[in-house]
Amino acid sequence: MVKEKIEAALAQIRPYLQRDGGDVELVAVEDGVVKVRLKGACGGCPMATMTLKQGIERTLKQVIPEVKEVVAV
C-alpha cells in the first residue's frame, strides 16, 4: 500500500524532472527508506543530491508519514 502511495507522489513530481530532461524510478521500499534511481539528465546532474533531498524526499515525507528517507541507488 505504501508503494502505491509513493508511486502516486512520484507521478506528481515526475513532470518537473522531465521538463529538465530527467526522470525518477522507484527501485524499492525497505523499512521506510525509499530507494530511487535518477535517470536522464538528473542522473549526472551536479544538483541531483539537492533534487533528491529537497524535492523528492521532502515531498514524499509530507504526503507519506511512513517515509523516513529517500536515497539514490
C-alpha atoms as a PDB file:
ATOM      1  CA  MET A   1       0.000   0.000   0.000  1.00  0.00           C
ATOM      2  CA  VAL A   2       2.815   2.420   0.822  1.00  0.00           C
ATOM      3  CA  LYS A   3       4.457   1.590  -2.501  1.00  0.00           C
ATOM      4  CA  GLU A   4       1.335   2.692  -4.381  1.00  0.00           C
ATOM      5  CA  LYS A   5       1.264   5.976  -2.437  1.00  0.00           C
ATOM      6  CA  ILE A   6       4.916   6.560  -3.275  1.00  0.00           C
ATOM      7  CA  GLU A   7       4.309   5.859  -6.975  1.00  0.00           C
ATOM      8  CA  ALA A   8       1.398   8.336  -6.940  1.00  0.00           C
ATOM      9  CA  ALA A   9       3.545  11.012  -5.284  1.00  0.00           C
ATOM     10  CA  LEU A  10       6.394  10.401  -7.731  1.00  0.00           C
ATOM     11  CA  ALA A  11       3.909  10.783 -10.588  1.00  0.00           C
ATOM     12  CA  GLN A  12       3.252  14.326  -9.337  1.00  0.00           C
ATOM     13  CA  ILE A  13       6.976  15.124  -9.134  1.00  0.00           C
ATOM     14  CA  ARG A  14       7.945  13.455 -12.428  1.00  0.00           C
ATOM     15  CA  PRO A  15       6.769  16.259 -14.808  1.00  0.00           C
ATOM     16  CA  TYR A  16       9.166  18.723 -13.142  1.00  0.00           C
ATOM     17  CA  LEU A  17      12.077  16.346 -13.624  1.00  0.00           C
ATOM     18  CA  GLN A  18      11.066  15.506 -17.188  1.00  0.00           C
ATOM     19  CA  ARG A  19      10.893  19.186 -18.059  1.00  0.00           C
ATOM     20  CA  ASP A  20      14.649  19.318 -17.381  1.00  0.00           C
ATOM     21  CA  GLY A  21      15.358  16.088 -19.270  1.00  0.00           C
ATOM     22  CA  GLY A  22      15.382  13.755 -16.260  1.00  0.00           C
ATOM     23  CA  ASP A  23      13.168  11.241 -14.521  1.00  0.00           C
ATOM     24  CA  VAL A  24      12.896   9.174 -11.352  1.00  0.00           C
ATOM     25  CA  GLU A  25      12.259   5.451 -10.960  1.00  0.00           C
ATOM     26  CA  LEU A  26      11.163   3.728  -7.755  1.00  0.00           C
ATOM     27  CA  VAL A  27      13.530   0.818  -7.087  1.00  0.00           C
ATOM     28  CA  ALA A  28      12.499  -0.407  -3.624  1.00  0.00           C
ATOM     29  CA  VAL A  29      10.948   0.488  -0.286  1.00  0.00           C
ATOM     30  CA  GLU A  30      12.548  -1.038   2.823  1.00  0.00           C
ATOM     31  CA  ASP A  31      11.725  -0.070   6.412  1.00  0.00           C
ATOM     32  CA  GLY A  32      10.671   3.458   5.489  1.00  0.00           C
ATOM     33  CA  VAL A  33      13.663   4.029   3.209  1.00  0.00           C
ATOM     34  CA  VAL A  34      12.664   4.758  -0.367  1.00  0.00           C
ATOM     35  CA  LYS A  35      15.270   3.799  -2.958  1.00  0.00           C
ATOM     36  CA  VAL A  36      15.048   5.611  -6.271  1.00  0.00           C
ATOM     37  CA  ARG A  37      17.098   5.859  -9.427  1.00  0.00           C
ATOM     38  CA  LEU A  38      17.516   9.280 -11.014  1.00  0.00           C
ATOM     39  CA  LYS A  39      17.562   8.929 -14.783  1.00  0.00           C
ATOM     40  CA  GLY A  40      18.370  11.028 -17.806  1.00  0.00           C
ATOM     41  CA  ALA A  41      19.769  14.469 -17.112  1.00  0.00           C
ATOM     42  CA  CYS A  42      19.107  14.008 -13.385  1.00  0.00           C
ATOM     43  CA  GLY A  43      21.450  11.029 -13.207  1.00  0.00           C
ATOM     44  CA  GLY A  44      24.597  13.054 -13.781  1.00  0.00           C
ATOM     45  CA  CYS A  45      23.461  16.491 -12.679  1.00  0.00           C
ATOM     46  CA  PRO A  46      25.546  18.236 -10.005  1.00  0.00           C
ATOM     47  CA  MET A  47      22.273  19.301  -8.366  1.00  0.00           C
ATOM     48  CA  ALA A  48      20.957  15.710  -8.156  1.00  0.00           C
ATOM     49  CA  THR A  49      21.515  15.474  -4.393  1.00  0.00           C
ATOM     50  CA  MET A  50      19.559  18.670  -3.834  1.00  0.00           C
ATOM     51  CA  THR A  51      16.784  17.439  -6.119  1.00  0.00           C
ATOM     52  CA  LEU A  52      16.700  14.155  -4.230  1.00  0.00           C
ATOM     53  CA  LYS A  53      16.659  15.593  -0.698  1.00  0.00           C
ATOM     54  CA  GLN A  54      14.945  18.972  -1.094  1.00  0.00           C
ATOM     55  CA  GLY A  55      12.480  17.940  -3.770  1.00  0.00           C
ATOM     56  CA  ILE A  56      11.684  14.245  -3.796  1.00  0.00           C
ATOM     57  CA  GLU A  57      12.353  13.369  -0.142  1.00  0.00           C
ATOM     58  CA  ARG A  58      10.593  16.435   1.229  1.00  0.00           C
ATOM     59  CA  THR A  59       7.518  15.833  -0.916  1.00  0.00           C
ATOM     60  CA  LEU A  60       7.303  12.134  -0.066  1.00  0.00           C
ATOM     61  CA  LYS A  61       7.668  12.798   3.671  1.00  0.00           C
ATOM     62  CA  GLN A  62       4.848  15.359   3.554  1.00  0.00           C
ATOM     63  CA  VAL A  63       2.494  13.024   1.715  1.00  0.00           C
ATOM     64  CA  ILE A  64       3.505   9.708   3.326  1.00  0.00           C
ATOM     65  CA  PRO A  65       4.498   9.881   7.018  1.00  0.00           C
ATOM     66  CA  GLU A  66       5.965   6.351   6.876  1.00  0.00           C
ATOM     67  CA  VAL A  67       8.805   7.591   4.654  1.00  0.00           C
ATOM     68  CA  LYS A  68      11.961   8.140   6.718  1.00  0.00           C
ATOM     69  CA  GLU A  69      14.478   8.813   3.973  1.00  0.00           C
ATOM     70  CA  VAL A  70      14.951   8.778   0.204  1.00  0.00           C
ATOM     71  CA  VAL A  71      18.241   7.509  -1.210  1.00  0.00           C
ATOM     72  CA  ALA A  72      19.593   7.153  -4.729  1.00  0.00           C
ATOM     73  CA  VAL A  73      20.772   3.734  -5.883  1.00  0.00           C
END
